[in-house]
């Protein structure tokens, strides 16, 4: 089972969310883009506190597998 941690800084809450295996296989960049679209980040001003910021890792990160496994992060930038 794969999980992601979602943190709501305004509400001061954090919760775990299950992630389907096919989404994990797509990688961190896919996940960041999907989450930003899901939250409709394109509607927010880039400097607004409501603007989401997503951090993710590629599926093979931390395994020692010789591929680019850099973390992905995605803000809605100006």
PDB file of N, CA and C in Angstrom:
ATOM      1  N   UNK A   1       0.845  -1.182   0.000  1.00  0.00           N
ATOM      2  CA  UNK A   1       0.000   0.000   0.000  1.00  0.00           C
ATOM      3  C   UNK A   1       0.892   1.249   0.000  1.00  0.00           C
ATOM      4  N   UNK A   2       0.591   2.170  -0.858  1.00  0.00           N
ATOM      5  CA  UNK A   2       1.319   3.436  -0.939  1.00  0.00           C
ATOM      6  C   UNK A   2       0.448   4.516  -0.317  1.00  0.00           C
ATOM      7  N   UNK A   3       1.100   5.440   0.372  1.00  0.00           N
ATOM      8  CA  UNK A   3       0.367   6.528   1.006  1.00  0.00           C
ATOM      9  C   UNK A   3       1.074   7.844   0.734  1.00  0.00           C
ATOM     10  N   UNK A   4       0.307   8.909   0.808  1.00  0.00           N
ATOM     11  CA  UNK A   4       0.897  10.239   0.751  1.00  0.00           C
ATOM     12  C   UNK A   4       0.364  11.030   1.937  1.00  0.00           C
ATOM     13  N   UNK A   5       1.152  11.957   2.394  1.00  0.00           N
ATOM     14  CA  UNK A   5       0.776  12.796   3.525  1.00  0.00           C
ATOM     15  C   UNK A   5       0.285  14.127   2.985  1.00  0.00           C
ATOM     16  N   UNK A   6      -0.916  14.500   3.355  1.00  0.00           N
ATOM     17  CA  UNK A   6      -1.472  15.793   2.947  1.00  0.00           C
ATOM     18  C   UNK A   6      -1.512  16.681   4.185  1.00  0.00           C
ATOM     19  N   UNK A   7      -1.012  17.893   4.028  1.00  0.00           N
ATOM     20  CA  UNK A   7      -0.930  18.826   5.149  1.00  0.00           C
ATOM     21  C   UNK A   7      -1.697  20.087   4.785  1.00  0.00           C
ATOM     22  N   UNK A   8      -2.620  20.475   5.635  1.00  0.00           N
ATOM     23  CA  UNK A   8      -3.370  21.715   5.466  1.00  0.00           C
ATOM     24  C   UNK A   8      -2.872  22.682   6.533  1.00  0.00           C
ATOM     25  N   UNK A   9      -2.026  23.628   6.134  1.00  0.00           N
ATOM     26  CA  UNK A   9      -1.423  24.551   7.100  1.00  0.00           C
ATOM     27  C   UNK A   9      -2.444  25.505   7.704  1.00  0.00           C
ATOM     28  N   UNK A  10      -3.438  25.894   6.935  1.00  0.00           N
ATOM     29  CA  UNK A  10      -4.456  26.809   7.466  1.00  0.00           C
ATOM     30  C   UNK A  10      -5.279  26.153   8.573  1.00  0.00           C
ATOM     31  N   UNK A  11      -5.666  24.895   8.347  1.00  0.00           N
ATOM     32  CA  UNK A  11      -6.482  24.178   9.336  1.00  0.00           C
ATOM     33  C   UNK A  11      -5.624  23.546  10.426  1.00  0.00           C
ATOM     34  N   UNK A  12      -4.313  23.455  10.182  1.00  0.00           N
ATOM     35  CA  UNK A  12      -3.421  22.831  11.148  1.00  0.00           C
ATOM     36  C   UNK A  12      -3.628  21.329  11.245  1.00  0.00           C
ATOM     37  N   UNK A  13      -3.992  20.709  10.126  1.00  0.00           N
ATOM     38  CA  UNK A  13      -4.266  19.271  10.117  1.00  0.00           C
ATOM     39  C   UNK A  13      -3.405  18.566   9.078  1.00  0.00           C
ATOM     40  N   UNK A  14      -3.126  17.311   9.355  1.00  0.00           N
ATOM     41  CA  UNK A  14      -2.408  16.457   8.404  1.00  0.00           C
ATOM     42  C   UNK A  14      -3.103  15.102   8.391  1.00  0.00           C
ATOM     43  N   UNK A  15      -3.157  14.491   7.224  1.00  0.00           N
ATOM     44  CA  UNK A  15      -3.779  13.176   7.133  1.00  0.00           C
ATOM     45  C   UNK A  15      -3.136  12.367   6.016  1.00  0.00           C
ATOM     46  N   UNK A  16      -3.200  11.050   6.165  1.00  0.00           N
ATOM     47  CA  UNK A  16      -2.664  10.131   5.167  1.00  0.00           C
ATOM     48  C   UNK A  16      -3.736   9.818   4.131  1.00  0.00           C
ATOM     49  N   UNK A  17      -3.290   9.688   2.890  1.00  0.00           N
ATOM     50  CA  UNK A  17      -4.195   9.377   1.793  1.00  0.00           C
ATOM     51  C   UNK A  17      -3.593   8.217   1.005  1.00  0.00           C
ATOM     52  N   UNK A  18      -4.404   7.206   0.685  1.00  0.00           N
ATOM     53  CA  UNK A  18      -3.914   6.075  -0.099  1.00  0.00           C
ATOM     54  C   UNK A  18      -3.696   6.495  -1.548  1.00  0.00           C
ATOM     55  N   UNK A  19      -2.642   5.953  -2.154  1.00  0.00           N
ATOM     56  CA  UNK A  19      -2.299   6.256  -3.541  1.00  0.00           C
ATOM     57  C   UNK A  19      -2.361   4.957  -4.338  1.00  0.00           C
ATOM     58  N   UNK A  20      -3.102   4.933  -5.447  1.00  0.00           N
ATOM     59  CA  UNK A  20      -3.179   3.719  -6.260  1.00  0.00           C
ATOM     60  C   UNK A  20      -1.816   3.364  -6.860  1.00  0.00           C
ATOM     61  N   UNK A  21      -1.502   2.066  -6.988  1.00  0.00           N
ATOM     62  CA  UNK A  21      -0.203   1.646  -7.528  1.00  0.00           C
ATOM     63  C   UNK A  21       0.092   2.198  -8.922  1.00  0.00           C
ATOM     64  N   UNK A  22      -0.925   2.323  -9.768  1.00  0.00           N
ATOM     65  CA  UNK A  22      -0.672   2.850 -11.119  1.00  0.00           C
ATOM     66  C   UNK A  22      -0.226   4.305 -11.075  1.00  0.00           C
ATOM     67  N   UNK A  23      -0.679   5.049 -10.080  1.00  0.00           N
ATOM     68  CA  UNK A  23      -0.256   6.436  -9.937  1.00  0.00           C
ATOM     69  C   UNK A  23       1.182   6.514  -9.435  1.00  0.00           C
ATOM     70  N   UNK A  24       1.560   5.599  -8.568  1.00  0.00           N
ATOM     71  CA  UNK A  24       2.931   5.536  -8.064  1.00  0.00           C
ATOM     72  C   UNK A  24       3.884   5.224  -9.210  1.00  0.00           C
ATOM     73  N   UNK A  25       3.487   4.315 -10.087  1.00  0.00           N
ATOM     74  CA  UNK A  25       4.334   3.922 -11.214  1.00  0.00           C
ATOM     75  C   UNK A  25       4.577   5.078 -12.178  1.00  0.00           C
ATOM     76  N   UNK A  26       3.651   6.016 -12.257  1.00  0.00           N
ATOM     77  CA  UNK A  26       3.806   7.158 -13.167  1.00  0.00           C
ATOM     78  C   UNK A  26       4.888   8.127 -12.684  1.00  0.00           C
ATOM     79  N   UNK A  27       5.120   8.179 -11.388  1.00  0.00           N
ATOM     80  CA  UNK A  27       6.200   9.003 -10.871  1.00  0.00           C
ATOM     81  C   UNK A  27       5.753  10.289 -10.214  1.00  0.00           C
ATOM     82  N   UNK A  28       6.727  10.953  -9.587  1.00  0.00           N
ATOM     83  CA  UNK A  28       6.465  12.163  -8.825  1.00  0.00           C
ATOM     84  C   UNK A  28       5.995  13.337  -9.650  1.00  0.00           C
ATOM     85  N   UNK A  29       6.537  13.501 -10.839  1.00  0.00           N
ATOM     86  CA  UNK A  29       6.128  14.636 -11.671  1.00  0.00           C
ATOM     87  C   UNK A  29       4.667  14.497 -12.098  1.00  0.00           C
ATOM     88  N   UNK A  30       4.268  13.279 -12.427  1.00  0.00           N
ATOM     89  CA  UNK A  30       2.861  13.030 -12.768  1.00  0.00           C
ATOM     90  C   UNK A  30       1.975  13.348 -11.566  1.00  0.00           C
ATOM     91  N   UNK A  31       2.394  12.883 -10.405  1.00  0.00           N
ATOM     92  CA  UNK A  31       1.581  13.081  -9.193  1.00  0.00           C
ATOM     93  C   UNK A  31       1.448  14.563  -8.848  1.00  0.00           C
ATOM     94  N   UNK A  32       2.527  15.319  -8.962  1.00  0.00           N
ATOM     95  CA  UNK A  32       2.438  16.747  -8.652  1.00  0.00           C
ATOM     96  C   UNK A  32       1.489  17.448  -9.618  1.00  0.00           C
ATOM     97  N   UNK A  33       1.596  17.135 -10.903  1.00  0.00           N
ATOM     98  CA  UNK A  33       0.715  17.762 -11.893  1.00  0.00           C
ATOM     99  C   UNK A  33      -0.745  17.390 -11.637  1.00  0.00           C
ATOM    100  N   UNK A  34      -1.004  16.114 -11.335  1.00  0.00           N
ATOM    101  CA  UNK A  34      -2.374  15.677 -11.101  1.00  0.00           C
ATOM    102  C   UNK A  34      -2.969  16.351  -9.866  1.00  0.00           C
ATOM    103  N   UNK A  35      -2.181  16.455  -8.805  1.00  0.00           N
ATOM    104  CA  UNK A  35      -2.686  17.084  -7.585  1.00  0.00           C
ATOM    105  C   UNK A  35      -2.951  18.576  -7.785  1.00  0.00           C
ATOM    106  N   UNK A  36      -2.093  19.258  -8.538  1.00  0.00           N
ATOM    107  CA  UNK A  36      -2.328  20.678  -8.804  1.00  0.00           C
ATOM    108  C   UNK A  36      -3.584  20.881  -9.645  1.00  0.00           C
ATOM    109  N   UNK A  37      -3.810  20.004 -10.620  1.00  0.00           N
ATOM    110  CA  UNK A  37      -5.038  20.096 -11.411  1.00  0.00           C
ATOM    111  C   UNK A  37      -6.262  19.767 -10.566  1.00  0.00           C
ATOM    112  N   UNK A  38      -6.139  18.767  -9.717  1.00  0.00           N
ATOM    113  CA  UNK A  38      -7.247  18.366  -8.845  1.00  0.00           C
ATOM    114  C   UNK A  38      -7.654  19.505  -7.917  1.00  0.00           C
ATOM    115  N   UNK A  39      -6.688  20.250  -7.428  1.00  0.00           N
ATOM    116  CA  UNK A  39      -6.967  21.357  -6.512  1.00  0.00           C
ATOM    117  C   UNK A  39      -7.230  22.663  -7.252  1.00  0.00           C
ATOM    118  N   UNK A  40      -7.252  22.618  -8.569  1.00  0.00           N
ATOM    119  CA  UNK A  40      -7.490  23.789  -9.417  1.00  0.00           C
ATOM    120  C   UNK A  40      -6.545  24.936  -9.068  1.00  0.00           C
ATOM    121  N   UNK A  41      -5.267  24.616  -8.970  1.00  0.00           N
ATOM    122  CA  UNK A  41      -4.256  25.604  -8.596  1.00  0.00           C
ATOM    123  C   UNK A  41      -4.154  26.741  -9.610  1.00  0.00           C
ATOM    124  N   UNK A  42      -4.572  26.499 -10.831  1.00  0.00           N
ATOM    125  CA  UNK A  42      -4.497  27.539 -11.866  1.00  0.00           C
ATOM    126  C   UNK A  42      -5.427  28.715 -11.551  1.00  0.00           C
ATOM    127  N   UNK A  43      -6.379  28.543 -10.649  1.00  0.00           N
ATOM    128  CA  UNK A  43      -7.308  29.623 -10.306  1.00  0.00           C
ATOM    129  C   UNK A  43      -6.730  30.593  -9.278  1.00  0.00           C
ATOM    130  N   UNK A  44      -5.672  30.202  -8.575  1.00  0.00           N
ATOM    131  CA  UNK A  44      -5.138  31.014  -7.487  1.00  0.00           C
ATOM    132  C   UNK A  44      -4.031  31.932  -7.973  1.00  0.00           C
ATOM    133  N   UNK A  45      -3.933  33.064  -7.306  1.00  0.00           N
ATOM    134  CA  UNK A  45      -2.798  33.949  -7.514  1.00  0.00           C
ATOM    135  C   UNK A  45      -1.553  33.209  -7.016  1.00  0.00           C
ATOM    136  N   UNK A  46      -0.457  33.221  -7.788  1.00  0.00           N
ATOM    137  CA  UNK A  46       0.743  32.482  -7.370  1.00  0.00           C
ATOM    138  C   UNK A  46       1.279  32.884  -5.997  1.00  0.00           C
ATOM    139  N   UNK A  47       1.020  34.096  -5.559  1.00  0.00           N
ATOM    140  CA  UNK A  47       1.524  34.552  -4.266  1.00  0.00           C
ATOM    141  C   UNK A  47       0.477  34.444  -3.156  1.00  0.00           C
ATOM    142  N   UNK A  48      -0.654  33.834  -3.461  1.00  0.00           N
ATOM    143  CA  UNK A  48      -1.738  33.682  -2.496  1.00  0.00           C
ATOM    144  C   UNK A  48      -1.432  32.570  -1.491  1.00  0.00           C
ATOM    145  N   UNK A  49      -1.841  32.724  -0.237  1.00  0.00           N
ATOM    146  CA  UNK A  49      -1.650  31.649   0.749  1.00  0.00           C
ATOM    147  C   UNK A  49      -2.441  30.384   0.407  1.00  0.00           C
ATOM    148  N   UNK A  50      -3.484  30.505  -0.402  1.00  0.00           N
ATOM    149  CA  UNK A  50      -4.279  29.339  -0.789  1.00  0.00           C
ATOM    150  C   UNK A  50      -3.597  28.500  -1.862  1.00  0.00           C
ATOM    151  N   UNK A  51      -2.560  29.036  -2.468  1.00  0.00           N
ATOM    152  CA  UNK A  51      -1.856  28.341  -3.542  1.00  0.00           C
ATOM    153  C   UNK A  51      -1.194  27.070  -3.000  1.00  0.00           C
ATOM    154  N   UNK A  52      -1.526  25.896  -3.558  1.00  0.00           N
ATOM    155  CA  UNK A  52      -0.926  24.651  -3.051  1.00  0.00           C
ATOM    156  C   UNK A  52       0.527  24.489  -3.488  1.00  0.00           C
ATOM    157  N   UNK A  53       1.279  23.775  -2.682  1.00  0.00           N
ATOM    158  CA  UNK A  53       2.659  23.421  -2.993  1.00  0.00           C
ATOM    159  C   UNK A  53       2.784  21.917  -2.792  1.00  0.00           C
ATOM    160  N   UNK A  54       3.235  21.202  -3.818  1.00  0.00           N
ATOM    161  CA  UNK A  54       3.272  19.739  -3.780  1.00  0.00           C
ATOM    162  C   UNK A  54       4.714  19.267  -3.872  1.00  0.00           C
ATOM    163  N   UNK A  55       5.112  18.368  -2.967  1.00  0.00           N
ATOM    164  CA  UNK A  55       6.410  17.710  -3.007  1.00  0.00           C
ATOM    165  C   UNK A  55       6.172  16.229  -3.256  1.00  0.00           C
ATOM    166  N   UNK A  56       6.964  15.621  -4.115  1.00  0.00           N
ATOM    167  CA  UNK A  56       6.817  14.189  -4.403  1.00  0.00           C
ATOM    168  C   UNK A  56       8.181  13.617  -4.771  1.00  0.00           C
ATOM    169  N   UNK A  57       8.294  12.295  -4.697  1.00  0.00           N
ATOM    170  CA  UNK A  57       9.523  11.614  -5.108  1.00  0.00           C
ATOM    171  C   UNK A  57       9.192  10.618  -6.208  1.00  0.00           C
ATOM    172  N   UNK A  58      10.197  10.287  -6.979  1.00  0.00           N
ATOM    173  CA  UNK A  58      10.026   9.288  -8.028  1.00  0.00           C
ATOM    174  C   UNK A  58       9.928   7.905  -7.387  1.00  0.00           C
ATOM    175  N   UNK A  59       9.310   6.931  -8.071  1.00  0.00           N
ATOM    176  CA  UNK A  59       9.065   5.627  -7.448  1.00  0.00           C
ATOM    177  C   UNK A  59      10.321   4.869  -7.020  1.00  0.00           C
ATOM    178  N   UNK A  60      11.453   5.097  -7.663  1.00  0.00           N
ATOM    179  CA  UNK A  60      12.670   4.363  -7.317  1.00  0.00           C
ATOM    180  C   UNK A  60      13.611   5.153  -6.410  1.00  0.00           C
ATOM    181  N   UNK A  61      13.171   6.285  -5.912  1.00  0.00           N
ATOM    182  CA  UNK A  61      14.009   7.100  -5.024  1.00  0.00           C
ATOM    183  C   UNK A  61      14.369   6.310  -3.772  1.00  0.00           C
ATOM    184  N   UNK A  62      15.629   6.378  -3.385  1.00  0.00           N
ATOM    185  CA  UNK A  62      16.095   5.711  -2.182  1.00  0.00           C
ATOM    186  C   UNK A  62      16.436   4.244  -2.361  1.00  0.00           C
ATOM    187  N   UNK A  63      16.302   3.719  -3.576  1.00  0.00           N
ATOM    188  CA  UNK A  63      16.585   2.296  -3.795  1.00  0.00           C
ATOM    189  C   UNK A  63      18.009   2.048  -4.260  1.00  0.00           C
ATOM    190  N   UNK A  64      18.722   3.082  -4.682  1.00  0.00           N
ATOM    191  CA  UNK A  64      20.063   2.901  -5.219  1.00  0.00           C
ATOM    192  C   UNK A  64      20.054   2.551  -6.693  1.00  0.00           C
ATOM    193  N   UNK A  65      18.882   2.472  -7.290  1.00  0.00           N
ATOM    194  CA  UNK A  65      18.772   2.171  -8.714  1.00  0.00           C
ATOM    195  C   UNK A  65      19.352   3.342  -9.505  1.00  0.00           C
ATOM    196  N   UNK A  66      20.226   3.067 -10.490  1.00  0.00           N
ATOM    197  CA  UNK A  66      20.930   4.152 -11.190  1.00  0.00           C
ATOM    198  C   UNK A  66      20.070   4.869 -12.237  1.00  0.00           C
ATOM    199  N   UNK A  67      19.116   5.625 -11.787  1.00  0.00           N
ATOM    200  CA  UNK A  67      18.288   6.441 -12.682  1.00  0.00           C
ATOM    201  C   UNK A  67      18.102   7.806 -12.048  1.00  0.00           C
ATOM    202  N   UNK A  68      17.634   8.770 -12.814  1.00  0.00           N
ATOM    203  CA  UNK A  68      17.339  10.070 -12.203  1.00  0.00           C
ATOM    204  C   UNK A  68      16.150   9.933 -11.255  1.00  0.00           C
ATOM    205  N   UNK A  69      16.404  10.048  -9.979  1.00  0.00           N
ATOM    206  CA  UNK A  69      15.334   9.906  -8.986  1.00  0.00           C
ATOM    207  C   UNK A  69      15.225  11.154  -8.123  1.00  0.00           C
ATOM    208  N   UNK A  70      15.401  12.298  -8.735  1.00  0.00           N
ATOM    209  CA  UNK A  70      15.335  13.549  -7.982  1.00  0.00           C
ATOM    210  C   UNK A  70      13.911  13.811  -7.514  1.00  0.00           C
ATOM    211  N   UNK A  71      13.765  14.448  -6.362  1.00  0.00           N
ATOM    212  CA  UNK A  71      12.421  14.812  -5.908  1.00  0.00           C
ATOM    213  C   UNK A  71      11.794  15.818  -6.864  1.00  0.00           C
ATOM    214  N   UNK A  72      10.493  15.794  -6.930  1.00  0.00           N
ATOM    215  CA  UNK A  72       9.759  16.751  -7.757  1.00  0.00           C
ATOM    216  C   UNK A  72       8.983  17.671  -6.826  1.00  0.00           C
ATOM    217  N   UNK A  73       8.952  18.933  -7.141  1.00  0.00           N
ATOM    218  CA  UNK A  73       8.113  19.857  -6.396  1.00  0.00           C
ATOM    219  C   UNK A  73       7.443  20.754  -7.405  1.00  0.00           C
ATOM    220  N   UNK A  74       6.230  21.148  -7.095  1.00  0.00           N
ATOM    221  CA  UNK A  74       5.460  21.908  -8.072  1.00  0.00           C
ATOM    222  C   UNK A  74       4.634  22.988  -7.393  1.00  0.00           C
ATOM    223  N   UNK A  75       5.061  24.225  -7.522  1.00  0.00           N
ATOM    224  CA  UNK A  75       4.198  25.325  -7.103  1.00  0.00           C
ATOM    225  C   UNK A  75       3.460  25.852  -8.329  1.00  0.00           C
ATOM    226  N   UNK A  76       2.421  26.581  -8.117  1.00  0.00           N
ATOM    227  CA  UNK A  76       1.782  27.298  -9.219  1.00  0.00           C
ATOM    228  C   UNK A  76       2.524  28.628  -9.313  1.00  0.00           C
ATOM    229  N   UNK A  77       3.506  28.707 -10.176  1.00  0.00           N
ATOM    230  CA  UNK A  77       4.396  29.869 -10.250  1.00  0.00           C
ATOM    231  C   UNK A  77       3.862  30.917 -11.225  1.00  0.00           C
ATOM    232  N   UNK A  78       4.255  32.164 -11.011  1.00  0.00           N
ATOM    233  CA  UNK A  78       3.824  33.229 -11.928  1.00  0.00           C
ATOM    234  C   UNK A  78       4.453  33.094 -13.293  1.00  0.00           C
TER     235      UNK A  78
END
